[in-house]
Amino acid sequence: MYDLFIAPLAETYFQKALIGGSIVAVVAGVVGCLVVLKRMAFLGDALSHAMIAGVAGGYLVMKLLFGAEAHAPGMLLGSLIAAIATVALISFVSRISRVKEDTAIGIMYTGIFALGVVAVSIFRHYIHIDLMHFIMGDVLGVADSDLWVSAFVAAFVLTLLILFFRHFQLATFDPVMAASIGLPVLLIDYVLTTCVSLVVVSAVSMVGVILVVGLLITPAATAYLLSDRLDRMMWLAALFGVTSVVGGLYLCVWLDSAGGGAIMLFCTLQFLVVLAVAPKYGLLARWRRMRNLVPQQVIEDILTTILRHGKTTPMAVIRQYVESGGKGIKKALLRMIQDGLITSSAGGYDLTADGEKEANKVLRAHRLWEAYLDTIGTPEEQLHPTAHHLEHISDTNTVDYLDEKLGHLDHDPHGQPIP
């Protein structure tokens, strides 16, 4: 037990990885909630890939002008410029052409990523960047400068989100209303994009392109399965991000595998577990809802059967006229009792006032359909069975249209009054 859990904590590389990864996970999870809700996930991927051009440019400028190797602030500034340029180009292409935004993202980020790769290869004598390290990251080799940069960016971004939380919330869920009350929605979108860019560029040197996108999206998506409130979703996303880092680092040590890959694997497995067991939006909850689902047609058939019977209706009569299995009818009856449509007694079932009102709506639709089918020459023996299927299309507009088209009839073709 000591070797599995306590011994790694004594190692400096593990401590730095734990601190750096947790800082990135917290801020990425919080910002990722807005990214997920605004459906900007592909943009985070684009920014992380386009960063290589900024890293190459920042590295080259610092090397040629100042003789500095791998200067973190210089590469951070270059990465931020590349990210902003990518967003500007995406916005420009999608606004002035018929190309949609998702297509523009795919075009621009691959083009800028390719520009970075070409720049690294052309200036390889000046730029010493390991592309595999850039893509996969090296969370177990975190430098002190990376920790300071990520901590500063995290503090800045989180402070911005806390101060303007209501603005971001309103612009995310209802941008039309936000604009109507005077909020600068476009500026808020640009600020959010800048925050995403800062998070991405400050984290890529530690965790790589793939992991930073994963930490931006997956914990937020996991929290989305458990919460309908943005503030709670952000807390959960930060928590899931940290647990992904902690679990992934231990997994990496135990399996002797790549750190970034282990963290993302643990994060994905965590998402799958929550997807299965989430109490409201999980697969098990969905299966239970589907299992307990009562078809509206069965409910309406029971209502009209009791209405036509005219008195307390025993189960035998309901089974005779309602096309459903025994369990389906019992489930429907229980649901209808809970909804206050019927009452149960020793002799059978009776309609409540609400139930009678709903039954009359269905019966009205049935008899209007019979009258309409009669006017178009449907054989008499087919009127009832055909109308029985059509009566469930009983929305107000359809029924009112039939009533008006038929001249507001009082009786159906069989002489029965139309409610």
Protein backbone atom coordinates (compact mmCIF):
# COMPACT_ATOMS: atom_id res chain seq x y z
CA MET A 1 0.00 0.00 0.00
CA TYR A 2 2.85 2.37 0.84
CA ASP A 3 4.63 1.68 -2.45
CA LEU A 4 1.40 2.14 -4.42
CA PHE A 5 0.10 5.39 -2.94
CA ILE A 6 2.58 7.06 -0.57
CA ALA A 7 5.96 6.45 -2.23
CA PRO A 8 5.16 8.39 -5.45
CA LEU A 9 4.24 11.45 -3.38
CA ALA A 10 7.79 11.61 -2.06
CA GLU A 11 9.18 12.11 -5.58
CA THR A 12 9.74 15.71 -6.72
CA TYR A 13 8.68 15.02 -10.32
CA PHE A 14 5.38 13.54 -9.09
CA GLN A 15 4.72 16.52 -6.82
CA LYS A 16 5.32 19.01 -9.64
CA ALA A 17 3.18 17.00 -12.02
CA LEU A 18 0.41 16.85 -9.43
CA ILE A 19 0.50 20.60 -8.75
CA GLY A 20 0.85 21.68 -12.37
CA GLY A 21 -1.72 19.22 -13.66
CA SER A 22 -4.22 20.20 -10.96
CA ILE A 23 -3.86 23.91 -11.72
CA VAL A 24 -4.48 23.28 -15.41
CA ALA A 25 -7.34 20.88 -14.66
CA VAL A 26 -9.19 23.35 -12.42
CA VAL A 27 -9.08 26.31 -14.79
CA ALA A 28 -9.63 24.16 -17.89
CA GLY A 29 -12.64 22.48 -16.28
CA VAL A 30 -14.25 25.79 -15.30
CA VAL A 31 -13.69 27.43 -18.70
CA GLY A 32 -14.61 24.18 -20.41
CA CYS A 33 -18.16 24.41 -19.00
CA LEU A 34 -18.76 27.56 -21.07
CA VAL A 35 -17.03 25.95 -24.05
CA VAL A 36 -19.29 22.89 -23.87
CA LEU A 37 -22.48 24.88 -23.37
CA LYS A 38 -21.65 27.21 -26.29
CA ARG A 39 -20.61 24.24 -28.47
CA MET A 40 -17.09 25.56 -28.95
CA ALA A 41 -15.27 22.27 -28.34
CA PHE A 42 -13.78 22.20 -31.84
CA LEU A 43 -12.41 25.72 -31.30
CA GLY A 44 -10.33 24.54 -28.32
CA ASP A 45 -8.83 21.81 -30.48
CA ALA A 46 -8.11 24.37 -33.21
CA LEU A 47 -6.36 26.76 -30.84
CA SER A 48 -4.18 24.06 -29.34
CA HIS A 49 -3.01 22.86 -32.78
CA ALA A 50 -2.50 26.36 -34.18
CA MET A 51 -0.26 27.19 -31.23
CA ILE A 52 2.75 25.49 -32.76
CA ALA A 53 3.09 28.42 -35.18
CA GLY A 54 3.11 30.84 -32.24
CA VAL A 55 5.56 28.72 -30.28
CA ALA A 56 7.88 28.56 -33.29
CA GLY A 57 7.60 32.32 -33.86
CA GLY A 58 8.18 33.17 -30.21
CA TYR A 59 11.13 30.78 -30.01
CA LEU A 60 12.67 32.21 -33.18
CA VAL A 61 12.30 35.85 -32.08
CA MET A 62 13.76 35.18 -28.62
CA LYS A 63 16.63 33.18 -30.10
CA LEU A 64 17.60 35.65 -32.82
CA LEU A 65 17.03 38.89 -30.90
CA PHE A 66 17.92 37.94 -27.33
CA GLY A 67 19.82 34.65 -27.64
CA ALA A 68 17.43 32.95 -25.19
CA GLU A 69 16.62 29.24 -25.53
CA ALA A 70 13.04 28.08 -24.86
CA HIS A 71 12.00 31.31 -23.17
CA ALA A 72 8.58 30.55 -21.66
CA PRO A 73 7.12 34.12 -21.65
CA GLY A 74 8.23 34.67 -25.25
CA MET A 75 6.65 31.43 -26.46
CA LEU A 76 3.52 32.17 -24.41
CA LEU A 77 3.17 35.56 -26.10
CA GLY A 78 3.75 34.02 -29.53
CA SER A 79 1.19 31.30 -28.82
CA LEU A 80 -1.37 33.86 -27.69
CA ILE A 81 -0.84 35.91 -30.85
CA ALA A 82 -1.26 32.76 -32.97
CA ALA A 83 -4.45 31.84 -31.10
CA ILE A 84 -5.95 35.31 -31.56
CA ALA A 85 -4.97 35.29 -35.24
CA THR A 86 -6.64 31.90 -35.66
CA VAL A 87 -9.88 33.13 -34.09
CA ALA A 88 -9.81 36.30 -36.21
CA LEU A 89 -9.28 34.32 -39.43
CA ILE A 90 -12.05 31.87 -38.55
CA SER A 91 -14.45 34.74 -37.85
CA PHE A 92 -13.41 36.55 -41.05
CA VAL A 93 -13.85 33.52 -43.33
CA SER A 94 -17.20 32.50 -41.82
CA ARG A 95 -18.58 36.05 -42.06
CA ILE A 96 -17.55 37.00 -45.61
CA SER A 97 -18.21 33.65 -47.32
CA ARG A 98 -20.83 30.93 -47.41
CA VAL A 99 -18.45 28.60 -45.55
CA LYS A 100 -19.83 27.66 -42.12
CA GLU A 101 -17.89 28.27 -38.92
CA ASP A 102 -17.05 24.62 -38.27
CA THR A 103 -15.60 24.30 -41.76
CA ALA A 104 -13.64 27.54 -41.32
CA ILE A 105 -12.20 26.18 -38.07
CA GLY A 106 -11.04 23.02 -39.83
CA ILE A 107 -9.42 25.02 -42.64
CA MET A 108 -7.69 27.63 -40.50
CA TYR A 109 -6.33 25.49 -37.70
CA THR A 110 -4.86 22.88 -40.04
CA GLY A 111 -3.35 25.63 -42.17
CA ILE A 112 -1.77 27.44 -39.22
CA PHE A 113 -0.65 24.14 -37.70
CA ALA A 114 1.03 23.30 -41.03
CA LEU A 115 2.65 26.76 -41.05
CA GLY A 116 4.15 26.03 -37.65
CA VAL A 117 5.47 22.63 -38.73
CA VAL A 118 7.04 24.13 -41.86
CA ALA A 119 8.60 26.97 -39.82
CA VAL A 120 10.12 24.48 -37.37
CA SER A 121 11.59 22.43 -40.21
CA ILE A 122 12.96 25.48 -42.11
CA PHE A 123 14.54 27.12 -39.06
CA ARG A 124 15.56 23.84 -37.41
CA HIS A 125 19.05 25.24 -36.74
CA TYR A 126 17.52 27.93 -34.52
CA ILE A 127 14.33 26.30 -33.25
CA HIS A 128 14.79 23.22 -31.10
CA ILE A 129 11.22 22.03 -30.52
CA ASP A 130 10.30 18.39 -30.13
CA LEU A 131 7.01 18.11 -32.04
CA MET A 132 6.10 14.86 -30.30
CA HIS A 133 6.64 16.54 -26.95
CA PHE A 134 4.48 19.43 -28.13
CA ILE A 135 1.63 17.10 -29.14
CA MET A 136 1.81 14.59 -26.27
CA GLY A 137 3.29 16.80 -23.54
CA ASP A 138 5.52 15.76 -20.66
CA VAL A 139 3.55 16.18 -17.48
CA LEU A 140 6.22 14.28 -15.52
CA GLY A 141 8.88 16.80 -16.54
CA VAL A 142 7.20 20.05 -15.50
CA ALA A 143 9.59 23.00 -15.12
CA ASP A 144 9.25 25.67 -12.44
CA SER A 145 8.61 28.31 -15.10
CA ASP A 146 5.68 26.26 -16.43
CA LEU A 147 4.17 26.13 -12.95
CA TRP A 148 4.43 29.90 -12.49
CA VAL A 149 2.96 30.64 -15.92
CA SER A 150 0.04 28.25 -15.43
CA ALA A 151 -0.65 29.58 -11.92
CA PHE A 152 -0.67 33.18 -13.12
CA VAL A 153 -2.97 32.39 -16.07
CA ALA A 154 -5.29 30.32 -13.89
CA ALA A 155 -5.57 33.12 -11.31
CA PHE A 156 -6.28 35.71 -14.01
CA VAL A 157 -8.88 33.63 -15.88
CA LEU A 158 -10.70 32.45 -12.75
CA THR A 159 -10.81 36.01 -11.38
CA LEU A 160 -12.30 37.21 -14.67
CA LEU A 161 -14.94 34.46 -14.65
CA ILE A 162 -15.88 35.10 -11.02
CA LEU A 163 -16.20 38.88 -11.47
CA PHE A 164 -18.30 38.60 -14.63
CA PHE A 165 -20.02 35.29 -13.95
CA ARG A 166 -23.55 36.62 -14.53
CA HIS A 167 -22.51 38.20 -17.82
CA PHE A 168 -21.00 34.96 -19.10
CA GLN A 169 -23.98 32.97 -17.85
CA LEU A 170 -26.57 35.15 -19.57
CA ALA A 171 -24.59 35.42 -22.81
CA THR A 172 -24.20 31.64 -22.87
CA PHE A 173 -27.81 30.62 -22.24
CA ASP A 174 -29.73 33.52 -23.80
CA PRO A 175 -27.59 35.80 -25.98
CA VAL A 176 -30.68 37.49 -27.44
CA MET A 177 -31.88 38.58 -24.01
CA ALA A 178 -28.34 39.58 -23.04
CA ALA A 179 -28.14 41.85 -26.09
CA SER A 180 -31.62 43.27 -25.40
CA ILE A 181 -30.61 44.45 -21.93
CA GLY A 182 -27.45 46.07 -23.22
CA LEU A 183 -24.75 43.47 -22.57
CA PRO A 184 -21.94 43.46 -25.18
CA VAL A 185 -22.44 39.86 -26.28
CA LEU A 186 -19.78 39.98 -29.00
CA LEU A 187 -17.21 41.37 -26.56
CA ILE A 188 -18.11 38.67 -24.01
CA ASP A 189 -17.57 36.02 -26.71
CA TYR A 190 -14.16 37.50 -27.53
CA VAL A 191 -13.22 37.58 -23.84
CA LEU A 192 -14.23 33.94 -23.47
CA THR A 193 -12.20 33.01 -26.55
CA THR A 194 -9.22 34.87 -25.09
CA CYS A 195 -9.62 32.96 -21.82
CA VAL A 196 -9.69 29.67 -23.72
CA SER A 197 -6.58 30.74 -25.63
CA LEU A 198 -4.74 31.63 -22.43
CA VAL A 199 -5.63 28.31 -20.82
CA VAL A 200 -4.53 26.37 -23.88
CA VAL A 201 -1.24 28.17 -24.45
CA SER A 202 -0.26 28.06 -20.78
CA ALA A 203 -0.95 24.34 -20.50
CA VAL A 204 0.36 22.89 -23.75
CA SER A 205 4.01 23.01 -22.66
CA MET A 206 3.08 20.84 -19.67
CA VAL A 207 0.40 18.49 -20.91
CA GLY A 208 0.52 18.71 -24.70
CA VAL A 209 -2.07 19.42 -27.37
CA ILE A 210 -4.15 16.28 -26.89
CA LEU A 211 -4.38 16.44 -23.10
CA VAL A 212 -5.22 20.14 -22.89
CA VAL A 213 -8.19 19.64 -25.23
CA GLY A 214 -9.23 16.61 -23.19
CA LEU A 215 -9.05 18.54 -19.89
CA LEU A 216 -10.97 21.40 -21.46
CA ILE A 217 -13.85 19.25 -22.70
CA THR A 218 -14.17 15.91 -20.89
CA PRO A 219 -14.47 17.04 -17.21
CA ALA A 220 -16.98 19.71 -18.25
CA ALA A 221 -18.98 17.15 -20.22
CA THR A 222 -18.88 14.81 -17.22
CA ALA A 223 -20.20 17.56 -14.94
CA TYR A 224 -22.89 18.39 -17.51
CA LEU A 225 -24.36 14.92 -16.96
CA LEU A 226 -24.81 15.65 -13.26
CA SER A 227 -25.95 19.24 -13.03
CA ASP A 228 -28.39 21.71 -14.56
CA ARG A 229 -26.84 24.75 -12.85
CA LEU A 230 -23.78 26.46 -14.29
CA ASP A 231 -22.11 27.27 -10.95
CA ARG A 232 -22.48 23.68 -9.70
CA MET A 233 -21.37 22.37 -13.07
CA MET A 234 -18.16 24.42 -12.84
CA TRP A 235 -17.36 23.10 -9.34
CA LEU A 236 -17.93 19.53 -10.51
CA ALA A 237 -15.84 20.05 -13.66
CA ALA A 238 -12.93 21.34 -11.59
CA LEU A 239 -13.28 18.36 -9.25
CA PHE A 240 -13.39 15.85 -12.12
CA GLY A 241 -10.37 17.52 -13.69
CA VAL A 242 -8.32 17.18 -10.51
CA THR A 243 -9.38 13.56 -9.95
CA SER A 244 -8.40 12.83 -13.56
CA VAL A 245 -4.92 14.23 -12.94
CA VAL A 246 -4.47 12.41 -9.63
CA GLY A 247 -5.82 9.09 -10.91
CA GLY A 248 -3.96 9.39 -14.20
CA LEU A 249 -0.61 10.10 -12.54
CA TYR A 250 -0.94 7.09 -10.25
CA LEU A 251 -1.97 5.00 -13.27
CA CYS A 252 1.08 6.29 -15.13
CA VAL A 253 3.42 5.27 -12.28
CA TRP A 254 1.82 1.87 -11.76
CA LEU A 255 1.78 0.97 -15.48
CA ASP A 256 5.02 2.80 -16.37
CA SER A 257 3.22 4.60 -19.20
CA ALA A 258 3.09 8.11 -20.68
CA GLY A 259 1.74 10.65 -18.19
CA GLY A 260 -0.51 12.61 -20.53
CA GLY A 261 -2.06 9.51 -22.04
CA ALA A 262 -2.73 7.99 -18.61
CA ILE A 263 -4.45 11.15 -17.39
CA MET A 264 -6.66 11.35 -20.47
CA LEU A 265 -7.47 7.65 -20.24
CA PHE A 266 -8.54 8.01 -16.60
CA CYS A 267 -10.54 11.12 -17.51
CA THR A 268 -12.37 9.27 -20.29
CA LEU A 269 -13.08 6.24 -18.09
CA GLN A 270 -14.43 8.61 -15.43
CA PHE A 271 -16.77 10.13 -18.03
CA LEU A 272 -18.00 6.69 -19.12
CA VAL A 273 -18.75 5.68 -15.52
CA VAL A 274 -20.75 8.87 -14.90
CA LEU A 275 -22.48 8.42 -18.27
CA ALA A 276 -23.65 5.01 -17.09
CA VAL A 277 -24.77 5.88 -13.54
CA ALA A 278 -25.78 9.58 -13.64
CA PRO A 279 -29.11 9.76 -11.77
CA LYS A 280 -30.90 11.95 -14.32
CA TYR A 281 -29.04 11.83 -17.63
CA GLY A 282 -27.20 8.50 -17.37
CA LEU A 283 -27.79 5.35 -19.38
CA LEU A 284 -29.32 3.48 -16.43
CA ALA A 285 -31.69 6.36 -15.73
CA ARG A 286 -32.66 6.46 -19.39
CA TRP A 287 -33.26 2.71 -19.39
CA ARG A 288 -35.48 3.03 -16.32
CA ARG A 289 -37.45 5.86 -17.94
CA MET A 290 -37.92 3.87 -21.12
CA ARG A 291 -38.98 0.84 -19.11
CA ASN A 292 -41.56 2.88 -17.18
CA LEU A 293 -42.74 4.78 -20.22
CA VAL A 294 -46.48 4.51 -20.86
CA PRO A 295 -47.61 5.15 -24.47
CA GLN A 296 -50.01 8.09 -24.69
CA GLN A 297 -52.22 6.03 -27.01
CA VAL A 298 -52.84 3.45 -24.27
CA ILE A 299 -53.79 6.19 -21.78
CA GLU A 300 -56.21 7.75 -24.26
CA ASP A 301 -57.77 4.38 -25.10
CA ILE A 302 -58.37 3.69 -21.40
CA LEU A 303 -59.94 7.13 -20.93
CA THR A 304 -62.38 6.69 -23.82
CA THR A 305 -63.20 3.12 -22.74
CA ILE A 306 -64.20 4.29 -19.25
CA LEU A 307 -66.10 7.26 -20.72
CA ARG A 308 -68.07 5.07 -23.13
CA HIS A 309 -68.79 2.50 -20.41
CA GLY A 310 -70.56 5.24 -18.45
CA LYS A 311 -69.99 3.78 -14.99
CA THR A 312 -67.34 2.12 -12.85
CA THR A 313 -65.33 0.12 -15.36
CA PRO A 314 -63.82 -3.25 -14.33
CA MET A 315 -60.41 -4.37 -15.53
CA ALA A 316 -61.98 -7.02 -17.80
CA VAL A 317 -63.75 -4.35 -19.87
CA ILE A 318 -60.59 -2.25 -20.18
CA ARG A 319 -58.58 -5.26 -21.35
CA GLN A 320 -61.27 -6.06 -23.90
CA TYR A 321 -61.06 -2.67 -25.63
CA VAL A 322 -57.47 -1.54 -25.04
CA GLU A 323 -54.79 -3.06 -27.25
CA SER A 324 -51.87 -3.52 -24.87
CA GLY A 325 -50.34 -6.23 -22.73
CA GLY A 326 -51.53 -6.84 -19.18
CA LYS A 327 -48.47 -5.20 -17.64
CA GLY A 328 -48.81 -2.24 -20.00
CA ILE A 329 -52.41 -1.62 -18.91
CA LYS A 330 -51.57 -1.94 -15.21
CA LYS A 331 -48.65 0.47 -15.60
CA ALA A 332 -50.88 2.92 -17.48
CA LEU A 333 -53.60 2.72 -14.80
CA LEU A 334 -51.10 3.40 -12.02
CA ARG A 335 -49.72 6.37 -13.95
CA MET A 336 -53.23 7.73 -14.56
CA ILE A 337 -54.12 7.42 -10.86
CA GLN A 338 -50.94 9.35 -9.98
CA ASP A 339 -51.81 12.04 -12.54
CA GLY A 340 -55.33 12.38 -11.14
CA LEU A 341 -57.14 11.22 -14.28
CA ILE A 342 -58.91 8.23 -12.72
CA THR A 343 -59.78 6.82 -9.31
CA SER A 344 -59.67 3.17 -8.28
CA SER A 345 -62.27 1.23 -6.29
CA ALA A 346 -63.18 -2.40 -5.62
CA GLY A 347 -65.46 -2.49 -8.66
CA GLY A 348 -62.99 -0.93 -11.13
CA TYR A 349 -62.04 2.57 -12.27
CA ASP A 350 -63.84 5.91 -12.61
CA LEU A 351 -62.88 9.13 -14.35
CA THR A 352 -62.10 12.23 -12.36
CA ALA A 353 -63.16 15.67 -13.64
CA ASP A 354 -59.76 16.09 -15.33
CA GLY A 355 -59.94 12.59 -16.74
CA GLU A 356 -63.41 13.17 -18.18
CA LYS A 357 -62.21 16.38 -19.82
CA GLU A 358 -59.28 14.59 -21.48
CA ALA A 359 -61.51 11.66 -22.53
CA ASN A 360 -63.97 14.03 -24.19
CA LYS A 361 -61.15 15.60 -26.17
CA VAL A 362 -60.16 12.21 -27.58
CA LEU A 363 -63.77 11.21 -28.22
CA ARG A 364 -64.41 14.51 -30.00
CA ALA A 365 -61.38 13.91 -32.24
CA HIS A 366 -62.56 10.34 -32.95
CA ARG A 367 -66.05 11.36 -34.03
CA LEU A 368 -64.83 14.30 -36.09
CA TRP A 369 -62.44 11.99 -37.91
CA GLU A 370 -65.29 9.57 -38.55
CA ALA A 371 -67.36 12.41 -40.00
CA TYR A 372 -64.47 13.59 -42.17
CA LEU A 373 -63.71 10.07 -43.42
CA ASP A 374 -67.38 9.65 -44.29
CA THR A 375 -67.33 12.80 -46.43
CA ILE A 376 -64.42 11.51 -48.52
CA GLY A 377 -66.13 8.18 -49.24
CA THR A 378 -64.51 5.83 -46.76
CA PRO A 379 -66.53 2.56 -46.50
CA GLU A 380 -68.73 2.48 -43.40
CA GLU A 381 -67.08 -0.63 -41.94
CA GLN A 382 -63.70 1.16 -42.02
CA LEU A 383 -64.82 4.39 -40.36
CA HIS A 384 -64.37 3.31 -36.75
CA PRO A 385 -61.03 1.44 -37.03
CA THR A 386 -59.49 4.19 -39.16
CA ALA A 387 -60.73 6.94 -36.85
CA HIS A 388 -59.47 4.93 -33.87
CA HIS A 389 -55.91 5.33 -35.19
CA LEU A 390 -56.37 8.98 -36.22
CA GLU A 391 -58.02 10.09 -32.97
CA HIS A 392 -54.63 10.24 -31.27
CA ILE A 393 -53.71 13.10 -33.61
CA SER A 394 -55.82 15.30 -31.37
CA ASP A 395 -53.92 18.55 -31.11
CA THR A 396 -56.17 21.61 -30.95
CA ASN A 397 -55.27 22.98 -34.39
CA THR A 398 -56.05 19.71 -36.20
CA VAL A 399 -59.36 19.15 -34.41
CA ASP A 400 -60.48 22.76 -34.91
CA TYR A 401 -59.61 22.53 -38.60
CA LEU A 402 -61.73 19.37 -38.99
CA ASP A 403 -64.60 20.96 -37.08
CA GLU A 404 -64.53 24.07 -39.27
CA LYS A 405 -64.19 22.07 -42.49
CA LEU A 406 -67.21 19.92 -41.55
CA GLY A 407 -69.37 22.94 -40.73
CA HIS A 408 -69.47 22.37 -36.96
CA LEU A 409 -71.44 19.12 -37.03
CA ASP A 410 -73.40 17.99 -33.96
CA HIS A 411 -73.39 14.23 -34.68
CA ASP A 412 -71.07 11.71 -36.30
CA PRO A 413 -72.18 9.37 -39.16
CA HIS A 414 -73.50 6.85 -36.60
CA GLY A 415 -75.76 9.46 -34.98
CA GLN A 416 -73.58 9.81 -31.88
CA PRO A 417 -73.22 13.37 -30.47
CA ILE A 418 -69.87 15.07 -30.99
CA PRO A 419 -68.64 16.51 -27.65
